[in-house]
Amino acid sequence: MPVTQSLVRLLADEGVPFLAAYRYKDSGLRKREAWEETWRLQRLEDAGEKVGLIAVPPKYTSADFRKNSYWQARGKLDVSKERFILYPDAGRETDPTRLLGWAGWDHAQQSLALSLIIGDREKDGWGDDRLIPLVAGLAELQPWVEQWHGEVDSDYGVSLAAFCREQLTARAAQVGKTLDELAAWRPAPATRGRRARSAE
């Protein structure tokens, strides 16, 4: 146990949550929306559509992040420099340690990892409501999976974009949420005294 506790302390500030709603305060989420619109327009432009002048999205500040360690890992342009992906409140009930993934995974691998986590938590007896933030993570990743993984993957023999899209569609229907509703999901606010786990 001392080894586990030591690792937990060492890794406490090395992970950044998989979902924007866990990373940002309201001000940061508003900036994130502006960035997502810029990315959407850039994808349309790359596809040959005329979109006109694309606005430069606002830069982030430390005040936009829920934890200073997230700001230190991401910076004003939200560039990933962390070592691990943090999955808040997504581990087994019997294991209090944080659930981490490798930050070197590409978007498709992150989506596949989330699908595995969702399946594992279902086996643990989680209801659909508890799965919503994980499904929101699938939705947040999907535009990037579509952008970079549309071709048939030689390792899997299928288009990962198509496979992940099917997973997202099925899971969104399962939890009864539209893509807009998934994007609007927010963790419960921290309570006074004891910090809420979802705000980690």
N, C-alpha and C. Protein backbone atom coordinates (compact mmCIF):
# COMPACT_ATOMS: atom_id res chain seq x y z
N MET A 1 0.81 -1.22 0.00
CA MET A 1 0.00 0.00 0.00
C MET A 1 0.85 1.27 0.00
N PRO A 2 1.94 1.34 0.78
CA PRO A 2 2.76 2.55 0.74
C PRO A 2 3.24 2.88 -0.67
N VAL A 3 3.57 1.84 -1.47
CA VAL A 3 4.01 2.08 -2.84
C VAL A 3 2.89 2.72 -3.66
N THR A 4 1.69 2.19 -3.52
CA THR A 4 0.53 2.74 -4.24
C THR A 4 0.28 4.18 -3.85
N GLN A 5 0.33 4.45 -2.55
CA GLN A 5 0.11 5.81 -2.08
C GLN A 5 1.18 6.76 -2.59
N SER A 6 2.41 6.28 -2.65
CA SER A 6 3.49 7.12 -3.17
C SER A 6 3.28 7.43 -4.64
N LEU A 7 2.85 6.43 -5.41
CA LEU A 7 2.59 6.64 -6.83
C LEU A 7 1.44 7.62 -7.04
N VAL A 8 0.41 7.49 -6.23
CA VAL A 8 -0.73 8.40 -6.33
C VAL A 8 -0.28 9.84 -6.11
N ARG A 9 0.57 10.05 -5.10
CA ARG A 9 1.07 11.40 -4.82
C ARG A 9 1.93 11.91 -5.98
N LEU A 10 2.79 11.05 -6.50
CA LEU A 10 3.69 11.44 -7.59
C LEU A 10 2.93 11.80 -8.86
N LEU A 11 1.83 11.10 -9.10
CA LEU A 11 1.09 11.27 -10.35
C LEU A 11 -0.07 12.26 -10.23
N ALA A 12 -0.27 12.82 -9.03
CA ALA A 12 -1.43 13.67 -8.76
C ALA A 12 -1.55 14.82 -9.75
N ASP A 13 -0.44 15.41 -10.14
CA ASP A 13 -0.48 16.57 -11.03
C ASP A 13 0.02 16.25 -12.44
N GLU A 14 0.08 14.97 -12.78
CA GLU A 14 0.59 14.57 -14.09
C GLU A 14 -0.51 14.23 -15.08
N GLY A 15 -1.77 14.26 -14.63
CA GLY A 15 -2.88 13.90 -15.49
C GLY A 15 -3.83 15.07 -15.70
N VAL A 16 -4.46 15.09 -16.87
CA VAL A 16 -5.47 16.09 -17.21
C VAL A 16 -6.73 15.34 -17.65
N PRO A 17 -7.91 15.74 -17.16
CA PRO A 17 -9.13 15.00 -17.47
C PRO A 17 -9.44 14.91 -18.96
N PHE A 18 -10.08 13.80 -19.32
CA PHE A 18 -10.41 13.50 -20.71
C PHE A 18 -11.47 14.42 -21.28
N LEU A 19 -12.29 15.04 -20.43
CA LEU A 19 -13.45 15.80 -20.88
C LEU A 19 -13.30 17.27 -20.53
N ALA A 20 -13.64 18.14 -21.48
CA ALA A 20 -13.49 19.59 -21.26
C ALA A 20 -14.22 20.06 -20.02
N ALA A 21 -15.39 19.51 -19.76
CA ALA A 21 -16.18 19.94 -18.60
C ALA A 21 -15.47 19.68 -17.29
N TYR A 22 -14.58 18.71 -17.26
CA TYR A 22 -13.78 18.45 -16.06
C TYR A 22 -12.55 19.35 -15.99
N ARG A 23 -12.10 19.86 -17.13
CA ARG A 23 -10.87 20.65 -17.16
C ARG A 23 -11.10 22.13 -16.90
N TYR A 24 -12.22 22.66 -17.41
CA TYR A 24 -12.41 24.11 -17.42
C TYR A 24 -13.50 24.59 -16.48
N LYS A 25 -13.33 25.81 -16.04
CA LYS A 25 -14.41 26.55 -15.41
C LYS A 25 -15.32 27.08 -16.53
N ASP A 26 -16.39 27.78 -16.16
CA ASP A 26 -17.34 28.27 -17.17
C ASP A 26 -16.66 29.16 -18.20
N SER A 27 -15.74 30.01 -17.76
CA SER A 27 -15.06 30.90 -18.70
C SER A 27 -14.25 30.10 -19.71
N GLY A 28 -13.61 29.05 -19.25
CA GLY A 28 -12.83 28.21 -20.14
C GLY A 28 -13.70 27.44 -21.11
N LEU A 29 -14.88 27.01 -20.65
CA LEU A 29 -15.80 26.29 -21.53
C LEU A 29 -16.32 27.20 -22.64
N ARG A 30 -16.53 28.46 -22.32
CA ARG A 30 -16.96 29.41 -23.37
C ARG A 30 -15.86 29.58 -24.42
N LYS A 31 -14.62 29.65 -23.97
CA LYS A 31 -13.51 29.75 -24.93
C LYS A 31 -13.39 28.46 -25.73
N ARG A 32 -13.61 27.35 -25.08
CA ARG A 32 -13.56 26.06 -25.78
C ARG A 32 -14.59 26.01 -26.91
N GLU A 33 -15.78 26.55 -26.67
CA GLU A 33 -16.81 26.59 -27.71
C GLU A 33 -16.32 27.39 -28.92
N ALA A 34 -15.62 28.49 -28.66
CA ALA A 34 -15.08 29.30 -29.75
C ALA A 34 -14.02 28.52 -30.53
N TRP A 35 -13.19 27.78 -29.82
CA TRP A 35 -12.19 26.95 -30.48
C TRP A 35 -12.85 25.86 -31.33
N GLU A 36 -13.90 25.24 -30.79
CA GLU A 36 -14.59 24.18 -31.53
C GLU A 36 -15.22 24.72 -32.81
N GLU A 37 -15.74 25.93 -32.76
CA GLU A 37 -16.31 26.54 -33.96
C GLU A 37 -15.21 26.82 -34.99
N THR A 38 -14.07 27.27 -34.53
CA THR A 38 -12.93 27.49 -35.44
C THR A 38 -12.51 26.18 -36.10
N TRP A 39 -12.41 25.12 -35.30
CA TRP A 39 -12.04 23.81 -35.85
C TRP A 39 -13.08 23.33 -36.86
N ARG A 40 -14.36 23.55 -36.57
CA ARG A 40 -15.43 23.12 -37.48
C ARG A 40 -15.30 23.82 -38.82
N LEU A 41 -15.06 25.13 -38.77
CA LEU A 41 -14.91 25.89 -40.01
C LEU A 41 -13.65 25.48 -40.78
N GLN A 42 -12.59 25.20 -40.06
CA GLN A 42 -11.36 24.75 -40.72
C GLN A 42 -11.57 23.42 -41.42
N ARG A 43 -12.34 22.53 -40.82
CA ARG A 43 -12.62 21.24 -41.46
C ARG A 43 -13.45 21.44 -42.73
N LEU A 44 -14.41 22.34 -42.68
CA LEU A 44 -15.21 22.64 -43.87
C LEU A 44 -14.33 23.22 -44.96
N GLU A 45 -13.43 24.12 -44.58
CA GLU A 45 -12.51 24.73 -45.54
C GLU A 45 -11.60 23.66 -46.15
N ASP A 46 -11.11 22.74 -45.32
CA ASP A 46 -10.26 21.67 -45.81
C ASP A 46 -11.01 20.76 -46.80
N ALA A 47 -12.34 20.67 -46.61
CA ALA A 47 -13.16 19.85 -47.50
C ALA A 47 -13.53 20.57 -48.79
N GLY A 48 -13.07 21.82 -48.94
CA GLY A 48 -13.30 22.56 -50.17
C GLY A 48 -14.43 23.56 -50.14
N GLU A 49 -15.07 23.72 -48.97
CA GLU A 49 -16.15 24.68 -48.86
C GLU A 49 -15.60 26.08 -48.58
N LYS A 50 -16.33 27.08 -49.06
CA LYS A 50 -15.96 28.46 -48.78
C LYS A 50 -16.60 28.89 -47.47
N VAL A 51 -15.79 29.28 -46.53
CA VAL A 51 -16.30 29.64 -45.20
C VAL A 51 -15.99 31.08 -44.83
N GLY A 52 -15.25 31.78 -45.68
CA GLY A 52 -14.91 33.17 -45.37
C GLY A 52 -13.80 33.24 -44.33
N LEU A 53 -13.69 34.39 -43.72
CA LEU A 53 -12.65 34.61 -42.71
C LEU A 53 -12.96 33.84 -41.44
N ILE A 54 -12.01 33.08 -40.96
CA ILE A 54 -12.18 32.31 -39.73
C ILE A 54 -11.58 33.09 -38.57
N ALA A 55 -12.41 33.36 -37.59
CA ALA A 55 -11.97 34.16 -36.44
C ALA A 55 -10.91 33.40 -35.63
N VAL A 56 -9.99 34.16 -35.07
CA VAL A 56 -8.98 33.57 -34.18
C VAL A 56 -9.60 33.41 -32.80
N PRO A 57 -9.65 32.20 -32.26
CA PRO A 57 -10.28 31.99 -30.96
C PRO A 57 -9.46 32.60 -29.83
N PRO A 58 -10.10 32.88 -28.69
CA PRO A 58 -9.38 33.51 -27.57
C PRO A 58 -8.43 32.54 -26.89
N LYS A 59 -7.36 33.07 -26.35
CA LYS A 59 -6.40 32.25 -25.62
C LYS A 59 -6.91 32.02 -24.19
N TYR A 60 -6.47 30.92 -23.62
CA TYR A 60 -6.84 30.59 -22.25
C TYR A 60 -5.91 31.28 -21.25
N THR A 61 -6.41 31.43 -20.04
CA THR A 61 -5.59 31.90 -18.93
C THR A 61 -5.72 30.88 -17.80
N SER A 62 -4.90 31.03 -16.80
CA SER A 62 -4.96 30.09 -15.67
C SER A 62 -6.32 30.11 -14.98
N ALA A 63 -7.01 31.24 -15.05
CA ALA A 63 -8.32 31.36 -14.40
C ALA A 63 -9.39 30.54 -15.09
N ASP A 64 -9.12 30.06 -16.31
CA ASP A 64 -10.10 29.28 -17.06
C ASP A 64 -10.10 27.81 -16.68
N PHE A 65 -9.07 27.37 -15.95
CA PHE A 65 -8.92 25.95 -15.63
C PHE A 65 -9.34 25.66 -14.19
N ARG A 66 -9.85 24.46 -13.98
CA ARG A 66 -10.30 24.05 -12.65
C ARG A 66 -9.13 23.82 -11.68
N LYS A 67 -7.99 23.42 -12.22
CA LYS A 67 -6.80 23.20 -11.38
C LYS A 67 -5.60 23.82 -12.05
N ASN A 68 -4.70 24.35 -11.25
CA ASN A 68 -3.50 24.97 -11.81
C ASN A 68 -2.64 23.97 -12.57
N SER A 69 -2.64 22.71 -12.13
CA SER A 69 -1.85 21.71 -12.83
C SER A 69 -2.36 21.48 -14.26
N TYR A 70 -3.68 21.65 -14.47
CA TYR A 70 -4.22 21.53 -15.83
C TYR A 70 -3.71 22.67 -16.70
N TRP A 71 -3.69 23.87 -16.13
CA TRP A 71 -3.18 25.04 -16.84
C TRP A 71 -1.70 24.86 -17.18
N GLN A 72 -0.94 24.38 -16.23
CA GLN A 72 0.49 24.18 -16.46
C GLN A 72 0.74 23.15 -17.56
N ALA A 73 -0.13 22.16 -17.66
CA ALA A 73 0.04 21.12 -18.67
C ALA A 73 -0.45 21.56 -20.05
N ARG A 74 -1.40 22.49 -20.10
CA ARG A 74 -2.03 22.85 -21.37
C ARG A 74 -1.63 24.23 -21.89
N GLY A 75 -1.55 25.24 -21.02
CA GLY A 75 -1.15 26.57 -21.45
C GLY A 75 -2.23 27.32 -22.21
N LYS A 76 -1.86 28.49 -22.73
CA LYS A 76 -2.83 29.42 -23.31
C LYS A 76 -3.48 28.93 -24.60
N LEU A 77 -2.84 27.95 -25.26
CA LEU A 77 -3.41 27.41 -26.49
C LEU A 77 -3.99 26.01 -26.29
N ASP A 78 -4.04 25.55 -25.05
CA ASP A 78 -4.61 24.25 -24.71
C ASP A 78 -3.92 23.11 -25.47
N VAL A 79 -2.60 23.16 -25.52
CA VAL A 79 -1.82 22.11 -26.17
C VAL A 79 -1.47 21.05 -25.14
N SER A 80 -1.75 19.80 -25.48
CA SER A 80 -1.54 18.71 -24.54
C SER A 80 -0.06 18.44 -24.31
N LYS A 81 0.36 18.61 -23.06
CA LYS A 81 1.73 18.29 -22.67
C LYS A 81 1.76 17.39 -21.44
N GLU A 82 0.58 16.95 -21.00
CA GLU A 82 0.53 16.09 -19.82
C GLU A 82 1.00 14.68 -20.17
N ARG A 83 1.29 13.91 -19.13
CA ARG A 83 1.76 12.53 -19.32
C ARG A 83 0.61 11.53 -19.33
N PHE A 84 -0.47 11.87 -18.64
CA PHE A 84 -1.57 10.93 -18.51
C PHE A 84 -2.92 11.60 -18.75
N ILE A 85 -3.87 10.78 -19.18
CA ILE A 85 -5.27 11.20 -19.27
C ILE A 85 -5.94 10.74 -17.99
N LEU A 86 -6.64 11.64 -17.35
CA LEU A 86 -7.33 11.33 -16.10
C LEU A 86 -8.81 11.09 -16.39
N TYR A 87 -9.35 10.01 -15.83
CA TYR A 87 -10.77 9.68 -15.98
C TYR A 87 -11.44 9.81 -14.61
N PRO A 88 -11.88 11.03 -14.25
CA PRO A 88 -12.47 11.24 -12.92
C PRO A 88 -13.71 10.37 -12.69
N ASP A 89 -13.79 9.79 -11.52
CA ASP A 89 -14.96 9.02 -11.10
C ASP A 89 -15.32 7.89 -12.04
N ALA A 90 -14.33 7.36 -12.77
CA ALA A 90 -14.62 6.31 -13.75
C ALA A 90 -14.00 4.97 -13.39
N GLY A 91 -13.36 4.89 -12.22
CA GLY A 91 -12.73 3.64 -11.81
C GLY A 91 -13.70 2.71 -11.09
N ARG A 92 -13.19 1.55 -10.74
CA ARG A 92 -14.01 0.59 -10.01
C ARG A 92 -14.32 1.10 -8.61
N GLU A 93 -15.48 0.75 -8.11
CA GLU A 93 -15.88 1.18 -6.77
C GLU A 93 -14.92 0.65 -5.71
N THR A 94 -14.31 -0.50 -5.98
CA THR A 94 -13.43 -1.13 -4.99
C THR A 94 -12.00 -0.62 -5.06
N ASP A 95 -11.72 0.30 -6.02
CA ASP A 95 -10.36 0.81 -6.19
C ASP A 95 -10.39 2.34 -6.10
N PRO A 96 -9.89 2.92 -5.00
CA PRO A 96 -9.96 4.36 -4.82
C PRO A 96 -8.92 5.15 -5.62
N THR A 97 -7.95 4.46 -6.22
CA THR A 97 -6.92 5.18 -6.97
C THR A 97 -7.51 5.74 -8.27
N ARG A 98 -6.88 6.79 -8.77
CA ARG A 98 -7.37 7.43 -9.98
C ARG A 98 -7.16 6.53 -11.20
N LEU A 99 -8.13 6.57 -12.10
CA LEU A 99 -8.02 5.83 -13.35
C LEU A 99 -7.30 6.70 -14.36
N LEU A 100 -6.18 6.20 -14.88
CA LEU A 100 -5.35 6.96 -15.80
C LEU A 100 -5.18 6.22 -17.11
N GLY A 101 -5.01 7.00 -18.19
CA GLY A 101 -4.65 6.46 -19.49
C GLY A 101 -3.41 7.17 -19.98
N TRP A 102 -2.82 6.67 -21.05
CA TRP A 102 -1.59 7.25 -21.58
C TRP A 102 -1.93 8.43 -22.47
N ALA A 103 -1.29 9.56 -22.24
CA ALA A 103 -1.56 10.77 -23.02
C ALA A 103 -1.04 10.66 -24.46
N GLY A 104 -0.26 9.63 -24.75
CA GLY A 104 0.24 9.43 -26.11
C GLY A 104 -0.73 8.73 -27.04
N TRP A 105 -1.88 8.30 -26.54
CA TRP A 105 -2.88 7.71 -27.41
C TRP A 105 -3.39 8.73 -28.41
N ASP A 106 -3.64 8.30 -29.66
CA ASP A 106 -4.28 9.20 -30.61
C ASP A 106 -5.78 9.25 -30.32
N HIS A 107 -6.51 10.06 -31.08
CA HIS A 107 -7.93 10.27 -30.77
C HIS A 107 -8.75 8.98 -30.88
N ALA A 108 -8.44 8.16 -31.88
CA ALA A 108 -9.17 6.90 -32.03
C ALA A 108 -8.88 5.97 -30.86
N GLN A 109 -7.63 5.89 -30.45
CA GLN A 109 -7.28 5.04 -29.31
C GLN A 109 -7.94 5.54 -28.03
N GLN A 110 -8.03 6.85 -27.87
CA GLN A 110 -8.73 7.40 -26.70
C GLN A 110 -10.20 7.02 -26.71
N SER A 111 -10.81 7.07 -27.90
CA SER A 111 -12.22 6.70 -28.01
C SER A 111 -12.43 5.23 -27.71
N LEU A 112 -11.55 4.38 -28.23
CA LEU A 112 -11.65 2.95 -27.95
C LEU A 112 -11.46 2.66 -26.47
N ALA A 113 -10.53 3.40 -25.83
CA ALA A 113 -10.32 3.22 -24.39
C ALA A 113 -11.57 3.60 -23.60
N LEU A 114 -12.20 4.70 -23.99
CA LEU A 114 -13.44 5.11 -23.32
C LEU A 114 -14.54 4.06 -23.49
N SER A 115 -14.64 3.48 -24.68
CA SER A 115 -15.65 2.44 -24.91
C SER A 115 -15.39 1.24 -24.00
N LEU A 116 -14.12 0.90 -23.81
CA LEU A 116 -13.79 -0.21 -22.91
C LEU A 116 -14.15 0.13 -21.46
N ILE A 117 -13.87 1.37 -21.06
CA ILE A 117 -14.21 1.79 -19.70
C ILE A 117 -15.71 1.73 -19.49
N ILE A 118 -16.47 2.21 -20.48
CA ILE A 118 -17.93 2.17 -20.38
C ILE A 118 -18.41 0.72 -20.22
N GLY A 119 -17.84 -0.17 -21.03
CA GLY A 119 -18.23 -1.58 -20.93
C GLY A 119 -17.89 -2.16 -19.57
N ASP A 120 -16.73 -1.82 -19.04
CA ASP A 120 -16.33 -2.32 -17.72
C ASP A 120 -17.26 -1.81 -16.63
N ARG A 121 -17.63 -0.53 -16.70
CA ARG A 121 -18.49 0.01 -15.67
C ARG A 121 -19.92 -0.57 -15.77
N GLU A 122 -20.34 -0.90 -16.98
CA GLU A 122 -21.62 -1.59 -17.12
C GLU A 122 -21.58 -2.93 -16.42
N LYS A 123 -20.48 -3.65 -16.59
CA LYS A 123 -20.33 -4.95 -15.92
C LYS A 123 -20.34 -4.79 -14.41
N ASP A 124 -19.89 -3.62 -13.94
CA ASP A 124 -19.90 -3.34 -12.50
C ASP A 124 -21.28 -2.93 -11.99
N GLY A 125 -22.24 -2.80 -12.91
CA GLY A 125 -23.60 -2.50 -12.51
C GLY A 125 -23.98 -1.03 -12.56
N TRP A 126 -23.17 -0.20 -13.22
CA TRP A 126 -23.50 1.22 -13.32
C TRP A 126 -24.77 1.42 -14.14
N GLY A 127 -25.60 2.36 -13.68
CA GLY A 127 -26.76 2.76 -14.46
C GLY A 127 -26.37 3.73 -15.57
N ASP A 128 -27.28 3.94 -16.51
CA ASP A 128 -26.99 4.79 -17.67
C ASP A 128 -26.63 6.22 -17.27
N ASP A 129 -27.26 6.74 -16.22
CA ASP A 129 -26.98 8.13 -15.82
C ASP A 129 -25.51 8.33 -15.47
N ARG A 130 -24.90 7.34 -14.85
CA ARG A 130 -23.49 7.47 -14.45
C ARG A 130 -22.55 7.38 -15.65
N LEU A 131 -23.05 6.85 -16.74
CA LEU A 131 -22.22 6.70 -17.93
C LEU A 131 -22.19 7.96 -18.79
N ILE A 132 -23.07 8.92 -18.51
CA ILE A 132 -23.21 10.09 -19.39
C ILE A 132 -21.90 10.83 -19.62
N PRO A 133 -21.10 11.16 -18.59
CA PRO A 133 -19.86 11.89 -18.88
C PRO A 133 -18.89 11.09 -19.75
N LEU A 134 -18.89 9.77 -19.61
CA LEU A 134 -18.02 8.95 -20.45
C LEU A 134 -18.49 8.98 -21.90
N VAL A 135 -19.79 8.93 -22.10
CA VAL A 135 -20.34 9.03 -23.46
C VAL A 135 -20.08 10.43 -24.02
N ALA A 136 -20.15 11.45 -23.16
CA ALA A 136 -19.82 12.81 -23.60
C ALA A 136 -18.37 12.87 -24.09
N GLY A 137 -17.50 12.07 -23.46
CA GLY A 137 -16.11 12.00 -23.92
C GLY A 137 -16.01 11.43 -25.32
N LEU A 138 -16.83 10.41 -25.62
CA LEU A 138 -16.86 9.85 -26.98
C LEU A 138 -17.26 10.92 -27.97
N ALA A 139 -18.29 11.70 -27.61
CA ALA A 139 -18.79 12.75 -28.51
C ALA A 139 -17.74 13.84 -28.75
N GLU A 140 -17.00 14.18 -27.71
CA GLU A 140 -15.99 15.23 -27.82
C GLU A 140 -14.83 14.79 -28.71
N LEU A 141 -14.52 13.50 -28.70
CA LEU A 141 -13.43 12.97 -29.51
C LEU A 141 -13.82 12.75 -30.97
N GLN A 142 -15.10 12.51 -31.24
CA GLN A 142 -15.51 12.03 -32.55
C GLN A 142 -15.11 12.93 -33.72
N PRO A 143 -15.23 14.26 -33.63
CA PRO A 143 -14.79 15.08 -34.77
C PRO A 143 -13.33 14.85 -35.14
N TRP A 144 -12.48 14.61 -34.14
CA TRP A 144 -11.07 14.36 -34.40
C TRP A 144 -10.85 12.97 -34.98
N VAL A 145 -11.63 12.01 -34.50
CA VAL A 145 -11.54 10.66 -35.06
C VAL A 145 -11.96 10.69 -36.53
N GLU A 146 -13.03 11.43 -36.83
CA GLU A 146 -13.49 11.57 -38.21
C GLU A 146 -12.40 12.21 -39.07
N GLN A 147 -11.71 13.20 -38.51
CA GLN A 147 -10.72 13.95 -39.28
C GLN A 147 -9.49 13.10 -39.60
N TRP A 148 -9.03 12.29 -38.66
CA TRP A 148 -7.76 11.61 -38.83
C TRP A 148 -7.84 10.11 -39.07
N HIS A 149 -9.02 9.52 -38.89
CA HIS A 149 -9.10 8.05 -38.95
C HIS A 149 -10.25 7.57 -39.84
N GLY A 150 -10.49 8.28 -40.92
CA GLY A 150 -11.58 7.90 -41.83
C GLY A 150 -11.26 6.71 -42.71
N GLU A 151 -9.99 6.49 -43.00
CA GLU A 151 -9.60 5.38 -43.87
C GLU A 151 -9.67 4.05 -43.10
N VAL A 152 -9.72 2.96 -43.86
CA VAL A 152 -9.70 1.64 -43.23
C VAL A 152 -8.35 1.44 -42.54
N ASP A 153 -8.38 1.12 -41.26
CA ASP A 153 -7.17 0.91 -40.49
C ASP A 153 -6.62 -0.49 -40.78
N SER A 154 -5.34 -0.56 -41.13
CA SER A 154 -4.75 -1.85 -41.49
C SER A 154 -4.72 -2.83 -40.32
N ASP A 155 -4.62 -2.32 -39.10
CA ASP A 155 -4.57 -3.19 -37.93
C ASP A 155 -5.94 -3.76 -37.58
N TYR A 156 -6.98 -2.95 -37.78
CA TYR A 156 -8.34 -3.35 -37.38
C TYR A 156 -9.20 -3.84 -38.55
N GLY A 157 -8.83 -3.45 -39.77
CA GLY A 157 -9.60 -3.87 -40.94
C GLY A 157 -10.89 -3.12 -41.15
N VAL A 158 -11.09 -2.05 -40.39
CA VAL A 158 -12.29 -1.21 -40.53
C VAL A 158 -11.87 0.25 -40.40
N SER A 159 -12.77 1.14 -40.79
CA SER A 159 -12.56 2.56 -40.53
C SER A 159 -12.86 2.82 -39.06
N LEU A 160 -11.86 3.30 -38.33
CA LEU A 160 -12.09 3.58 -36.91
C LEU A 160 -13.08 4.72 -36.73
N ALA A 161 -13.11 5.65 -37.70
CA ALA A 161 -14.10 6.74 -37.62
C ALA A 161 -15.51 6.17 -37.65
N ALA A 162 -15.75 5.23 -38.57
CA ALA A 162 -17.08 4.62 -38.67
C ALA A 162 -17.40 3.79 -37.44
N PHE A 163 -16.42 3.03 -36.96
CA PHE A 163 -16.64 2.19 -35.79
C PHE A 163 -16.95 3.04 -34.56
N CYS A 164 -16.15 4.07 -34.34
CA CYS A 164 -16.36 4.94 -33.18
C CYS A 164 -17.68 5.71 -33.29
N ARG A 165 -18.06 6.07 -34.51
CA ARG A 165 -19.34 6.74 -34.72
C ARG A 165 -20.50 5.84 -34.33
N GLU A 166 -20.40 4.56 -34.67
CA GLU A 166 -21.45 3.60 -34.29
C GLU A 166 -21.51 3.45 -32.77
N GLN A 167 -20.35 3.40 -32.14
CA GLN A 167 -20.30 3.30 -30.68
C GLN A 167 -20.97 4.52 -30.03
N LEU A 168 -20.63 5.70 -30.54
CA LEU A 168 -21.19 6.93 -29.99
C LEU A 168 -22.70 6.96 -30.19
N THR A 169 -23.17 6.63 -31.39
CA THR A 169 -24.61 6.65 -31.67
C THR A 169 -25.36 5.71 -30.73
N ALA A 170 -24.82 4.50 -30.56
CA ALA A 170 -25.47 3.52 -29.70
C ALA A 170 -25.46 3.95 -28.24
N ARG A 171 -24.34 4.47 -27.78
CA ARG A 171 -24.24 4.87 -26.37
C ARG A 171 -25.08 6.11 -26.07
N ALA A 172 -25.11 7.06 -27.02
CA ALA A 172 -25.94 8.25 -26.81
C ALA A 172 -27.41 7.87 -26.70
N ALA A 173 -27.84 6.93 -27.55
CA ALA A 173 -29.23 6.46 -27.48
C ALA A 173 -29.47 5.73 -26.16
N GLN A 174 -28.48 4.96 -25.72
CA GLN A 174 -28.61 4.21 -24.47
C GLN A 174 -28.83 5.13 -23.28
N VAL A 175 -28.06 6.23 -23.21
CA VAL A 175 -28.20 7.14 -22.07
C VAL A 175 -29.26 8.21 -22.31
N GLY A 176 -29.88 8.19 -23.50
CA GLY A 176 -30.99 9.10 -23.79
C GLY A 176 -30.59 10.55 -23.96
N LYS A 177 -29.42 10.78 -24.56
CA LYS A 177 -28.94 12.15 -24.74
C LYS A 177 -28.59 12.42 -26.20
N THR A 178 -28.92 13.63 -26.66
CA THR A 178 -28.46 14.08 -27.96
C THR A 178 -27.01 14.54 -27.84
N LEU A 179 -26.37 14.79 -28.98
CA LEU A 179 -24.99 15.29 -28.95
C LEU A 179 -24.92 16.65 -28.25
N ASP A 180 -25.91 17.50 -28.47
CA ASP A 180 -25.93 18.80 -27.81
C ASP A 180 -26.08 18.64 -26.30
N GLU A 181 -26.90 17.70 -25.88
CA GLU A 181 -27.09 17.46 -24.44
C GLU A 181 -25.82 16.87 -23.81
N LEU A 182 -25.13 16.04 -24.54
CA LEU A 182 -23.86 15.52 -24.04
C LEU A 182 -22.84 16.64 -23.89
N ALA A 183 -22.80 17.54 -24.86
CA ALA A 183 -21.86 18.67 -24.79
C ALA A 183 -22.19 19.60 -23.63
N ALA A 184 -23.44 19.62 -23.23
CA ALA A 184 -23.87 20.52 -22.14
C ALA A 184 -23.70 19.89 -20.76
N TRP A 185 -23.27 18.62 -20.68
CA TRP A 185 -23.12 17.98 -19.38
C TRP A 185 -22.04 18.68 -18.56
N ARG A 186 -22.30 18.84 -17.27
CA ARG A 186 -21.33 19.44 -16.35
C ARG A 186 -21.25 18.60 -15.07
N PRO A 187 -20.05 18.49 -14.49
CA PRO A 187 -19.92 17.76 -13.22
C PRO A 187 -20.61 18.52 -12.09
N ALA A 188 -20.97 17.78 -11.06
CA ALA A 188 -21.58 18.41 -9.90
C ALA A 188 -20.58 19.36 -9.26
N PRO A 189 -21.04 20.53 -8.79
CA PRO A 189 -20.12 21.48 -8.16
C PRO A 189 -19.56 20.91 -6.86
N ALA A 190 -18.36 21.35 -6.54
CA ALA A 190 -17.74 20.92 -5.29
C ALA A 190 -18.54 21.43 -4.12
N THR A 191 -18.65 20.60 -3.08
CA THR A 191 -19.37 21.02 -1.88
C THR A 191 -18.38 21.60 -0.89
N ARG A 192 -18.85 22.43 0.01
CA ARG A 192 -17.98 23.04 1.02
C ARG A 192 -17.52 21.98 2.00
N GLY A 193 -16.30 22.12 2.43
CA GLY A 193 -15.75 21.15 3.37
C GLY A 193 -15.05 20.04 2.63
N ARG A 194 -15.83 19.09 2.15
CA ARG A 194 -15.24 17.96 1.44
C ARG A 194 -15.37 18.18 -0.06
N ARG A 195 -14.29 18.04 -0.76
CA ARG A 195 -14.29 18.29 -2.20
C ARG A 195 -14.99 17.16 -2.94
N ALA A 196 -15.84 17.53 -3.90
CA ALA A 196 -16.52 16.53 -4.69
C ALA A 196 -15.53 15.82 -5.61
N ARG A 197 -15.63 14.50 -5.70
CA ARG A 197 -14.69 13.75 -6.53
C ARG A 197 -14.75 14.18 -8.00
N SER A 198 -15.97 14.53 -8.48
CA SER A 198 -16.12 14.87 -9.88
C SER A 198 -15.42 16.16 -10.26
N ALA A 199 -15.01 16.96 -9.26
CA ALA A 199 -14.34 18.21 -9.56
C ALA A 199 -12.82 18.06 -9.54
N GLU A 200 -12.33 16.84 -9.37
CA GLU A 200 -10.89 16.63 -9.29
C GLU A 200 -10.23 16.95 -10.61
